[in-house]
Amino acid sequence: MRAIIKTNQMVAEERRVQIMGFYLREFFLDQFPKFWQGSLRACRSYYGDGGFNTEVAVNDFNGDLIPYLGRKVADIKFKVGDIVECVEGDELSRLGIVAAVPWTVDEVLAFNEKMHLHVLDYSDDCYMVYFLGSGDTHSHPLSCNVFSPARRVSLKLIEQLQKKLKEQQRN
């Protein structure tokens, strides 16, 4: 009996490790969507162990897009060259390497002054990430879709991703 219980605990622990992360999405009730993102208020992402990853605000309480004002430097979790796992859609994740980080508060202020208006929204709260493959394989995943890798990454894969980043930086 003791061996069966131990085996079941081990299986439960393995399943916990396989959960990369999860999302809490906040939606408005009884509000007609003004934009394509509908009644989504905010998205918070968490690691599989329940630890907080980050949050992206989308709409305010009137259903209007919230302007993106930049992230505090301390709230930018990854730096250029970090290996990350990015969620695409709701079902696929893949490893990549960070090529650019979300805009900081100071960068957004300078941009807005230059443009004389505010044009950034939640979709600008993103990283630029390169993936393996031929040609330009970059993407701009929202901050809430970028995680530390759920599993150990092989040295060979790290080297391939670093090579990809260097190639793209030269171009």
N, C-alpha and C. Protein backbone atom coordinates (compact mmCIF):
# COMPACT_ATOMS: atom_id res chain seq x y z
N MET A 1 0.82 -1.19 0.00
CA MET A 1 0.00 0.00 0.00
C MET A 1 0.87 1.26 0.00
N ARG A 2 1.92 1.25 0.76
CA ARG A 2 2.81 2.40 0.85
C ARG A 2 3.45 2.69 -0.51
N ALA A 3 3.83 1.68 -1.26
CA ALA A 3 4.47 1.85 -2.57
C ALA A 3 3.49 2.50 -3.56
N ILE A 4 2.23 2.14 -3.51
CA ILE A 4 1.23 2.72 -4.41
C ILE A 4 1.05 4.20 -4.10
N ILE A 5 0.97 4.55 -2.85
CA ILE A 5 0.81 5.96 -2.46
C ILE A 5 2.02 6.77 -2.93
N LYS A 6 3.21 6.22 -2.72
CA LYS A 6 4.41 6.92 -3.13
C LYS A 6 4.41 7.11 -4.65
N THR A 7 4.01 6.10 -5.39
CA THR A 7 3.96 6.21 -6.85
C THR A 7 2.95 7.27 -7.27
N ASN A 8 1.80 7.30 -6.65
CA ASN A 8 0.80 8.32 -6.99
C ASN A 8 1.31 9.72 -6.69
N GLN A 9 2.05 9.89 -5.61
CA GLN A 9 2.61 11.20 -5.29
C GLN A 9 3.64 11.60 -6.34
N MET A 10 4.43 10.65 -6.78
CA MET A 10 5.44 10.94 -7.80
C MET A 10 4.77 11.35 -9.11
N VAL A 11 3.69 10.67 -9.48
CA VAL A 11 2.96 11.01 -10.70
C VAL A 11 2.38 12.41 -10.57
N ALA A 12 1.81 12.73 -9.41
CA ALA A 12 1.25 14.06 -9.20
C ALA A 12 2.34 15.12 -9.29
N GLU A 13 3.51 14.86 -8.75
CA GLU A 13 4.62 15.82 -8.82
C GLU A 13 5.06 16.01 -10.27
N GLU A 14 5.13 14.92 -11.06
CA GLU A 14 5.50 15.04 -12.47
C GLU A 14 4.50 15.91 -13.22
N ARG A 15 3.21 15.73 -12.95
CA ARG A 15 2.19 16.53 -13.62
C ARG A 15 2.35 18.01 -13.27
N ARG A 16 2.66 18.31 -12.02
CA ARG A 16 2.85 19.69 -11.60
C ARG A 16 4.00 20.33 -12.38
N VAL A 17 5.07 19.59 -12.58
CA VAL A 17 6.23 20.10 -13.29
C VAL A 17 5.88 20.39 -14.75
N GLN A 18 4.96 19.64 -15.32
CA GLN A 18 4.61 19.79 -16.73
C GLN A 18 3.73 21.01 -16.99
N ILE A 19 3.22 21.66 -15.96
CA ILE A 19 2.42 22.86 -16.15
C ILE A 19 3.36 24.04 -16.26
N MET A 20 3.44 24.61 -17.45
CA MET A 20 4.35 25.73 -17.67
C MET A 20 3.84 26.99 -17.00
N GLY A 21 2.57 27.26 -17.15
CA GLY A 21 2.00 28.46 -16.59
C GLY A 21 0.50 28.49 -16.81
N PHE A 22 -0.12 29.51 -16.26
CA PHE A 22 -1.54 29.68 -16.48
C PHE A 22 -1.88 31.17 -16.44
N TYR A 23 -3.09 31.48 -16.94
CA TYR A 23 -3.53 32.86 -17.06
C TYR A 23 -4.79 33.10 -16.26
N LEU A 24 -4.91 34.31 -15.77
CA LEU A 24 -6.18 34.81 -15.26
C LEU A 24 -6.52 35.99 -16.14
N ARG A 25 -7.65 35.89 -16.81
CA ARG A 25 -8.08 36.98 -17.68
C ARG A 25 -9.32 37.62 -17.06
N GLU A 26 -9.28 38.93 -16.95
CA GLU A 26 -10.36 39.69 -16.34
C GLU A 26 -11.24 40.23 -17.45
N PHE A 27 -12.54 39.92 -17.41
CA PHE A 27 -13.47 40.39 -18.43
C PHE A 27 -14.56 41.25 -17.78
N PHE A 28 -15.04 42.23 -18.53
CA PHE A 28 -16.17 43.03 -18.08
C PHE A 28 -17.46 42.26 -18.39
N LEU A 29 -18.44 42.42 -17.54
CA LEU A 29 -19.77 41.88 -17.81
C LEU A 29 -20.66 42.99 -18.33
N ASP A 30 -21.62 42.64 -19.16
CA ASP A 30 -22.62 43.58 -19.65
C ASP A 30 -22.02 44.82 -20.29
N GLN A 31 -20.97 44.65 -21.04
CA GLN A 31 -20.36 45.78 -21.72
C GLN A 31 -20.13 45.40 -23.17
N PHE A 32 -20.64 46.21 -24.07
CA PHE A 32 -20.46 45.94 -25.49
C PHE A 32 -19.03 46.29 -25.87
N PRO A 33 -18.29 45.36 -26.48
CA PRO A 33 -16.89 45.63 -26.83
C PRO A 33 -16.76 46.75 -27.85
N LYS A 34 -15.83 47.69 -27.58
CA LYS A 34 -15.57 48.78 -28.51
C LYS A 34 -14.47 48.43 -29.50
N PHE A 35 -13.61 47.48 -29.13
CA PHE A 35 -12.45 47.15 -29.95
C PHE A 35 -12.40 45.65 -30.16
N TRP A 36 -11.52 45.19 -31.03
CA TRP A 36 -11.44 43.77 -31.36
C TRP A 36 -11.09 42.91 -30.16
N GLN A 37 -10.37 43.44 -29.15
CA GLN A 37 -10.01 42.63 -27.99
C GLN A 37 -11.18 42.48 -27.04
N GLY A 38 -12.33 43.03 -27.42
CA GLY A 38 -13.56 42.79 -26.70
C GLY A 38 -13.59 43.36 -25.30
N SER A 39 -14.13 42.59 -24.38
CA SER A 39 -14.33 43.07 -23.02
C SER A 39 -13.20 42.64 -22.09
N LEU A 40 -12.03 42.35 -22.63
CA LEU A 40 -10.90 41.96 -21.81
C LEU A 40 -10.36 43.17 -21.06
N ARG A 41 -10.32 43.07 -19.75
CA ARG A 41 -9.82 44.16 -18.90
C ARG A 41 -8.31 44.04 -18.71
N ALA A 42 -7.84 42.83 -18.36
CA ALA A 42 -6.42 42.61 -18.10
C ALA A 42 -6.11 41.13 -18.18
N CYS A 43 -4.85 40.83 -18.34
CA CYS A 43 -4.39 39.44 -18.34
C CYS A 43 -3.21 39.35 -17.39
N ARG A 44 -3.28 38.40 -16.47
CA ARG A 44 -2.18 38.13 -15.55
C ARG A 44 -1.69 36.72 -15.84
N SER A 45 -0.39 36.54 -15.86
CA SER A 45 0.15 35.19 -16.08
C SER A 45 0.95 34.76 -14.87
N TYR A 46 0.92 33.45 -14.65
CA TYR A 46 1.57 32.83 -13.50
C TYR A 46 2.34 31.61 -13.97
N TYR A 47 3.40 31.29 -13.24
CA TYR A 47 4.15 30.07 -13.51
C TYR A 47 3.37 28.87 -13.00
N GLY A 48 3.75 27.69 -13.45
CA GLY A 48 3.08 26.46 -13.07
C GLY A 48 3.04 26.23 -11.56
N ASP A 49 4.02 26.77 -10.83
CA ASP A 49 4.03 26.60 -9.38
C ASP A 49 3.19 27.65 -8.66
N GLY A 50 2.52 28.52 -9.43
CA GLY A 50 1.67 29.55 -8.85
C GLY A 50 2.34 30.90 -8.69
N GLY A 51 3.64 30.99 -8.95
CA GLY A 51 4.35 32.26 -8.83
C GLY A 51 3.93 33.24 -9.91
N PHE A 52 3.77 34.50 -9.53
CA PHE A 52 3.34 35.55 -10.45
C PHE A 52 4.39 35.79 -11.53
N ASN A 53 3.95 35.90 -12.78
CA ASN A 53 4.84 36.24 -13.89
C ASN A 53 4.71 37.74 -14.17
N THR A 54 3.58 38.16 -14.75
CA THR A 54 3.37 39.58 -15.02
C THR A 54 1.92 39.85 -15.37
N GLU A 55 1.61 41.12 -15.58
CA GLU A 55 0.25 41.54 -15.93
C GLU A 55 0.31 42.52 -17.08
N VAL A 56 -0.70 42.44 -17.96
CA VAL A 56 -0.86 43.40 -19.04
C VAL A 56 -2.28 43.95 -18.94
N ALA A 57 -2.40 45.28 -18.82
CA ALA A 57 -3.71 45.94 -18.77
C ALA A 57 -4.15 46.25 -20.18
N VAL A 58 -5.44 46.03 -20.48
CA VAL A 58 -5.94 46.20 -21.84
C VAL A 58 -6.96 47.34 -21.93
N ASN A 59 -8.12 47.18 -21.30
CA ASN A 59 -9.20 48.16 -21.36
C ASN A 59 -9.45 48.77 -19.98
N ASP A 60 -9.89 50.04 -19.98
CA ASP A 60 -10.26 50.65 -18.71
C ASP A 60 -11.73 50.31 -18.41
N PHE A 61 -12.25 50.88 -17.35
CA PHE A 61 -13.61 50.52 -16.94
C PHE A 61 -14.69 51.09 -17.84
N ASN A 62 -14.31 51.95 -18.79
CA ASN A 62 -15.26 52.44 -19.79
C ASN A 62 -15.17 51.62 -21.08
N GLY A 63 -14.29 50.63 -21.10
CA GLY A 63 -14.11 49.82 -22.30
C GLY A 63 -13.17 50.43 -23.31
N ASP A 64 -12.47 51.49 -22.93
CA ASP A 64 -11.50 52.13 -23.82
C ASP A 64 -10.12 51.54 -23.60
N LEU A 65 -9.33 51.51 -24.66
CA LEU A 65 -7.96 51.00 -24.55
C LEU A 65 -7.17 51.83 -23.54
N ILE A 66 -6.42 51.15 -22.69
CA ILE A 66 -5.55 51.83 -21.75
C ILE A 66 -4.25 52.16 -22.49
N PRO A 67 -3.81 53.41 -22.45
CA PRO A 67 -2.54 53.75 -23.10
C PRO A 67 -1.39 52.99 -22.43
N TYR A 68 -0.46 52.54 -23.22
CA TYR A 68 0.73 51.89 -22.66
C TYR A 68 1.70 52.99 -22.26
N LEU A 69 2.04 53.04 -20.98
CA LEU A 69 2.90 54.09 -20.44
C LEU A 69 4.32 53.60 -20.18
N GLY A 70 4.60 52.38 -20.58
CA GLY A 70 5.93 51.81 -20.36
C GLY A 70 5.99 51.01 -19.08
N ARG A 71 7.05 50.23 -18.97
CA ARG A 71 7.28 49.43 -17.76
C ARG A 71 8.42 50.05 -16.97
N LYS A 72 8.30 49.94 -15.66
CA LYS A 72 9.44 50.32 -14.82
C LYS A 72 10.56 49.34 -15.13
N VAL A 73 11.79 49.81 -15.12
CA VAL A 73 12.93 48.96 -15.42
C VAL A 73 12.91 47.72 -14.53
N ALA A 74 12.55 47.87 -13.26
CA ALA A 74 12.52 46.74 -12.33
C ALA A 74 11.46 45.70 -12.70
N ASP A 75 10.45 46.10 -13.48
CA ASP A 75 9.38 45.18 -13.88
C ASP A 75 9.66 44.47 -15.21
N ILE A 76 10.79 44.76 -15.82
CA ILE A 76 11.17 44.05 -17.05
C ILE A 76 11.98 42.84 -16.62
N LYS A 77 11.34 41.67 -16.74
CA LYS A 77 11.90 40.44 -16.16
C LYS A 77 13.08 39.86 -16.93
N PHE A 78 13.12 40.08 -18.23
CA PHE A 78 14.15 39.46 -19.05
C PHE A 78 14.98 40.54 -19.73
N LYS A 79 16.19 40.17 -20.09
CA LYS A 79 17.08 41.11 -20.79
C LYS A 79 17.48 40.50 -22.14
N VAL A 80 18.04 41.33 -22.98
CA VAL A 80 18.49 40.86 -24.30
C VAL A 80 19.48 39.71 -24.08
N GLY A 81 19.26 38.63 -24.82
CA GLY A 81 20.12 37.44 -24.71
C GLY A 81 19.56 36.36 -23.82
N ASP A 82 18.51 36.65 -23.05
CA ASP A 82 17.90 35.62 -22.20
C ASP A 82 17.13 34.60 -23.04
N ILE A 83 17.20 33.36 -22.64
CA ILE A 83 16.40 32.31 -23.26
C ILE A 83 15.05 32.30 -22.56
N VAL A 84 13.99 32.34 -23.35
CA VAL A 84 12.63 32.41 -22.80
C VAL A 84 11.73 31.39 -23.48
N GLU A 85 10.61 31.13 -22.85
CA GLU A 85 9.58 30.28 -23.44
C GLU A 85 8.37 31.17 -23.68
N CYS A 86 7.91 31.21 -24.92
CA CYS A 86 6.81 32.10 -25.31
C CYS A 86 5.57 31.29 -25.65
N VAL A 87 4.46 31.74 -25.14
CA VAL A 87 3.18 31.10 -25.44
C VAL A 87 2.59 31.81 -26.64
N GLU A 88 2.16 31.02 -27.61
CA GLU A 88 1.51 31.54 -28.81
C GLU A 88 0.11 30.97 -28.86
N GLY A 89 -0.87 31.84 -28.94
CA GLY A 89 -2.24 31.37 -28.84
C GLY A 89 -2.45 30.82 -27.44
N ASP A 90 -3.24 29.80 -27.32
CA ASP A 90 -3.48 29.21 -26.00
C ASP A 90 -2.92 27.81 -25.88
N GLU A 91 -2.21 27.34 -26.91
CA GLU A 91 -1.83 25.93 -26.88
C GLU A 91 -0.36 25.64 -27.15
N LEU A 92 0.37 26.57 -27.73
CA LEU A 92 1.72 26.28 -28.17
C LEU A 92 2.72 27.16 -27.45
N SER A 93 3.82 26.56 -27.04
CA SER A 93 4.92 27.37 -26.51
C SER A 93 6.19 26.94 -27.23
N ARG A 94 7.11 27.88 -27.37
CA ARG A 94 8.39 27.53 -27.98
C ARG A 94 9.49 28.41 -27.38
N LEU A 95 10.69 27.88 -27.45
CA LEU A 95 11.84 28.57 -26.88
C LEU A 95 12.38 29.59 -27.87
N GLY A 96 12.83 30.71 -27.33
CA GLY A 96 13.42 31.74 -28.15
C GLY A 96 14.44 32.52 -27.34
N ILE A 97 15.00 33.54 -27.97
CA ILE A 97 15.99 34.39 -27.31
C ILE A 97 15.55 35.84 -27.44
N VAL A 98 15.63 36.58 -26.34
CA VAL A 98 15.17 37.96 -26.30
C VAL A 98 16.11 38.85 -27.11
N ALA A 99 15.53 39.62 -28.04
CA ALA A 99 16.30 40.57 -28.86
C ALA A 99 16.00 42.01 -28.45
N ALA A 100 14.83 42.26 -27.86
CA ALA A 100 14.47 43.60 -27.37
C ALA A 100 13.45 43.45 -26.25
N VAL A 101 13.51 44.38 -25.33
CA VAL A 101 12.62 44.33 -24.15
C VAL A 101 11.50 45.36 -24.30
N PRO A 102 10.45 45.27 -23.47
CA PRO A 102 9.38 46.27 -23.53
C PRO A 102 9.92 47.68 -23.27
N TRP A 103 9.22 48.66 -23.81
CA TRP A 103 9.60 50.04 -23.63
C TRP A 103 9.51 50.41 -22.15
N THR A 104 10.46 51.21 -21.70
CA THR A 104 10.42 51.70 -20.32
C THR A 104 9.55 52.95 -20.25
N VAL A 105 9.25 53.39 -19.04
CA VAL A 105 8.46 54.60 -18.84
C VAL A 105 9.14 55.80 -19.52
N ASP A 106 10.46 55.95 -19.32
CA ASP A 106 11.19 57.07 -19.93
C ASP A 106 11.17 57.01 -21.45
N GLU A 107 11.31 55.82 -22.02
CA GLU A 107 11.29 55.68 -23.48
C GLU A 107 9.92 56.06 -24.04
N VAL A 108 8.85 55.68 -23.35
CA VAL A 108 7.50 56.02 -23.82
C VAL A 108 7.27 57.52 -23.71
N LEU A 109 7.70 58.13 -22.62
CA LEU A 109 7.56 59.58 -22.47
C LEU A 109 8.27 60.32 -23.61
N ALA A 110 9.50 59.92 -23.91
CA ALA A 110 10.26 60.55 -25.00
C ALA A 110 9.56 60.34 -26.34
N PHE A 111 9.05 59.15 -26.58
CA PHE A 111 8.34 58.85 -27.83
C PHE A 111 7.09 59.70 -27.95
N ASN A 112 6.31 59.79 -26.87
CA ASN A 112 5.07 60.57 -26.90
C ASN A 112 5.35 62.06 -27.14
N GLU A 113 6.42 62.58 -26.54
CA GLU A 113 6.78 63.98 -26.76
C GLU A 113 7.15 64.22 -28.23
N LYS A 114 7.89 63.28 -28.78
CA LYS A 114 8.30 63.40 -30.18
C LYS A 114 7.09 63.33 -31.12
N MET A 115 6.15 62.45 -30.81
CA MET A 115 4.98 62.25 -31.67
C MET A 115 3.88 63.28 -31.40
N HIS A 116 3.94 63.97 -30.27
CA HIS A 116 2.94 64.96 -29.85
C HIS A 116 1.56 64.34 -29.61
N LEU A 117 1.52 63.05 -29.39
CA LEU A 117 0.28 62.36 -29.02
C LEU A 117 0.65 60.98 -28.50
N HIS A 118 -0.32 60.35 -27.87
CA HIS A 118 -0.07 59.01 -27.34
C HIS A 118 -0.67 57.98 -28.28
N VAL A 119 0.16 57.12 -28.82
CA VAL A 119 -0.33 56.13 -29.79
C VAL A 119 -0.07 54.69 -29.35
N LEU A 120 0.55 54.49 -28.21
CA LEU A 120 0.89 53.14 -27.77
C LEU A 120 -0.23 52.57 -26.92
N ASP A 121 -0.47 51.25 -27.08
CA ASP A 121 -1.47 50.57 -26.25
C ASP A 121 -0.88 49.25 -25.75
N TYR A 122 -1.73 48.40 -25.19
CA TYR A 122 -1.25 47.17 -24.56
C TYR A 122 -0.42 46.29 -25.51
N SER A 123 -0.68 46.37 -26.81
CA SER A 123 0.05 45.52 -27.75
C SER A 123 1.52 45.92 -27.85
N ASP A 124 1.86 47.09 -27.33
CA ASP A 124 3.25 47.54 -27.32
C ASP A 124 4.00 47.08 -26.08
N ASP A 125 3.29 46.45 -25.15
CA ASP A 125 3.90 45.89 -23.94
C ASP A 125 4.41 44.49 -24.28
N CYS A 126 5.48 44.45 -25.06
CA CYS A 126 5.95 43.17 -25.61
C CYS A 126 7.47 43.11 -25.67
N TYR A 127 7.94 41.90 -25.84
CA TYR A 127 9.35 41.64 -26.11
C TYR A 127 9.50 41.38 -27.60
N MET A 128 10.71 41.47 -28.10
CA MET A 128 11.00 40.95 -29.43
C MET A 128 11.86 39.72 -29.20
N VAL A 129 11.43 38.60 -29.76
CA VAL A 129 12.08 37.32 -29.53
C VAL A 129 12.35 36.65 -30.87
N TYR A 130 13.55 36.06 -31.00
CA TYR A 130 13.88 35.25 -32.18
C TYR A 130 13.78 33.78 -31.83
N PHE A 131 13.32 33.01 -32.80
CA PHE A 131 13.21 31.57 -32.67
C PHE A 131 14.11 30.92 -33.72
N LEU A 132 14.39 29.65 -33.55
CA LEU A 132 15.20 28.94 -34.54
C LEU A 132 14.42 28.78 -35.83
N GLY A 133 15.15 28.68 -36.92
CA GLY A 133 14.54 28.53 -38.24
C GLY A 133 15.30 29.41 -39.22
N SER A 134 14.96 29.28 -40.48
CA SER A 134 15.68 30.07 -41.49
C SER A 134 14.99 31.42 -41.69
N GLY A 135 15.78 32.40 -42.02
CA GLY A 135 15.23 33.73 -42.28
C GLY A 135 14.88 34.48 -41.00
N ASP A 136 13.98 35.43 -41.15
CA ASP A 136 13.56 36.26 -40.03
C ASP A 136 12.49 35.52 -39.24
N THR A 137 12.84 35.04 -38.08
CA THR A 137 11.91 34.23 -37.28
C THR A 137 11.47 34.97 -36.03
N HIS A 138 11.46 36.29 -36.05
CA HIS A 138 11.13 37.02 -34.84
C HIS A 138 9.63 37.14 -34.64
N SER A 139 9.28 37.42 -33.39
CA SER A 139 7.89 37.63 -33.01
C SER A 139 7.89 38.69 -31.91
N HIS A 140 6.71 39.22 -31.62
CA HIS A 140 6.56 40.24 -30.58
C HIS A 140 5.53 39.77 -29.56
N PRO A 141 5.86 38.76 -28.74
CA PRO A 141 4.89 38.28 -27.77
C PRO A 141 4.64 39.29 -26.65
N LEU A 142 3.38 39.41 -26.24
CA LEU A 142 3.04 40.25 -25.11
C LEU A 142 3.84 39.81 -23.88
N SER A 143 4.13 40.75 -23.01
CA SER A 143 4.90 40.44 -21.80
C SER A 143 4.30 39.29 -21.01
N CYS A 144 2.97 39.21 -20.96
CA CYS A 144 2.34 38.15 -20.17
C CYS A 144 2.48 36.78 -20.83
N ASN A 145 2.98 36.73 -22.07
CA ASN A 145 3.17 35.46 -22.77
C ASN A 145 4.63 35.00 -22.78
N VAL A 146 5.48 35.68 -22.03
CA VAL A 146 6.90 35.35 -21.99
C VAL A 146 7.26 34.85 -20.60
N PHE A 147 7.83 33.63 -20.54
CA PHE A 147 8.14 32.96 -19.29
C PHE A 147 9.60 32.51 -19.28
N SER A 148 10.11 32.26 -18.10
CA SER A 148 11.37 31.50 -17.99
C SER A 148 11.07 30.10 -18.51
N PRO A 149 12.03 29.43 -19.13
CA PRO A 149 11.77 28.08 -19.63
C PRO A 149 11.31 27.14 -18.50
N ALA A 150 10.32 26.32 -18.82
CA ALA A 150 9.76 25.40 -17.83
C ALA A 150 10.70 24.23 -17.56
N ARG A 151 11.55 23.93 -18.52
CA ARG A 151 12.49 22.81 -18.37
C ARG A 151 13.90 23.30 -18.64
N ARG A 152 14.85 22.48 -18.24
CA ARG A 152 16.26 22.79 -18.50
C ARG A 152 16.49 22.85 -20.01
N VAL A 153 17.26 23.83 -20.44
CA VAL A 153 17.56 24.01 -21.87
C VAL A 153 18.98 23.52 -22.12
N SER A 154 19.13 22.69 -23.12
CA SER A 154 20.45 22.13 -23.42
C SER A 154 21.42 23.22 -23.87
N LEU A 155 22.68 23.00 -23.61
CA LEU A 155 23.73 23.93 -24.02
C LEU A 155 23.73 24.10 -25.53
N LYS A 156 23.49 23.02 -26.26
CA LYS A 156 23.47 23.08 -27.73
C LYS A 156 22.36 24.02 -28.21
N LEU A 157 21.18 23.92 -27.62
CA LEU A 157 20.07 24.78 -28.02
C LEU A 157 20.34 26.24 -27.64
N ILE A 158 20.93 26.46 -26.48
CA ILE A 158 21.30 27.82 -26.07
C ILE A 158 22.26 28.42 -27.09
N GLU A 159 23.26 27.64 -27.49
CA GLU A 159 24.25 28.13 -28.46
C GLU A 159 23.60 28.43 -29.81
N GLN A 160 22.66 27.59 -30.24
CA GLN A 160 21.96 27.83 -31.51
C GLN A 160 21.15 29.13 -31.45
N LEU A 161 20.48 29.35 -30.33
CA LEU A 161 19.68 30.57 -30.18
C LEU A 161 20.58 31.81 -30.12
N GLN A 162 21.70 31.71 -29.42
CA GLN A 162 22.65 32.83 -29.36
C GLN A 162 23.20 33.14 -30.75
N LYS A 163 23.48 32.11 -31.52
CA LYS A 163 23.97 32.29 -32.90
C LYS A 163 22.89 33.00 -33.73
N LYS A 164 21.63 32.60 -33.58
CA LYS A 164 20.53 33.22 -34.31
C LYS A 164 20.43 34.71 -33.98
N LEU A 165 20.54 35.04 -32.70
CA LEU A 165 20.48 36.45 -32.28
C LEU A 165 21.63 37.25 -32.88
N LYS A 166 22.84 36.70 -32.85
CA LYS A 166 23.99 37.41 -33.42
C LYS A 166 23.82 37.64 -34.91
N GLU A 167 23.31 36.63 -35.63
CA GLU A 167 23.07 36.77 -37.06
C GLU A 167 22.08 37.89 -37.34
N GLN A 168 21.01 37.96 -36.56
CA GLN A 168 19.99 38.96 -36.78
C GLN A 168 20.46 40.36 -36.39
N GLN A 169 21.31 40.45 -35.38
CA GLN A 169 21.85 41.74 -34.97
C GLN A 169 22.79 42.31 -36.02
N ARG A 170 23.46 41.41 -36.79
CA ARG A 170 24.36 41.87 -37.86
C ARG A 170 23.57 42.41 -39.04
N ASN A 171 22.39 41.88 -39.27
CA ASN A 171 21.57 42.28 -40.45
C ASN A 171 20.91 43.61 -40.24
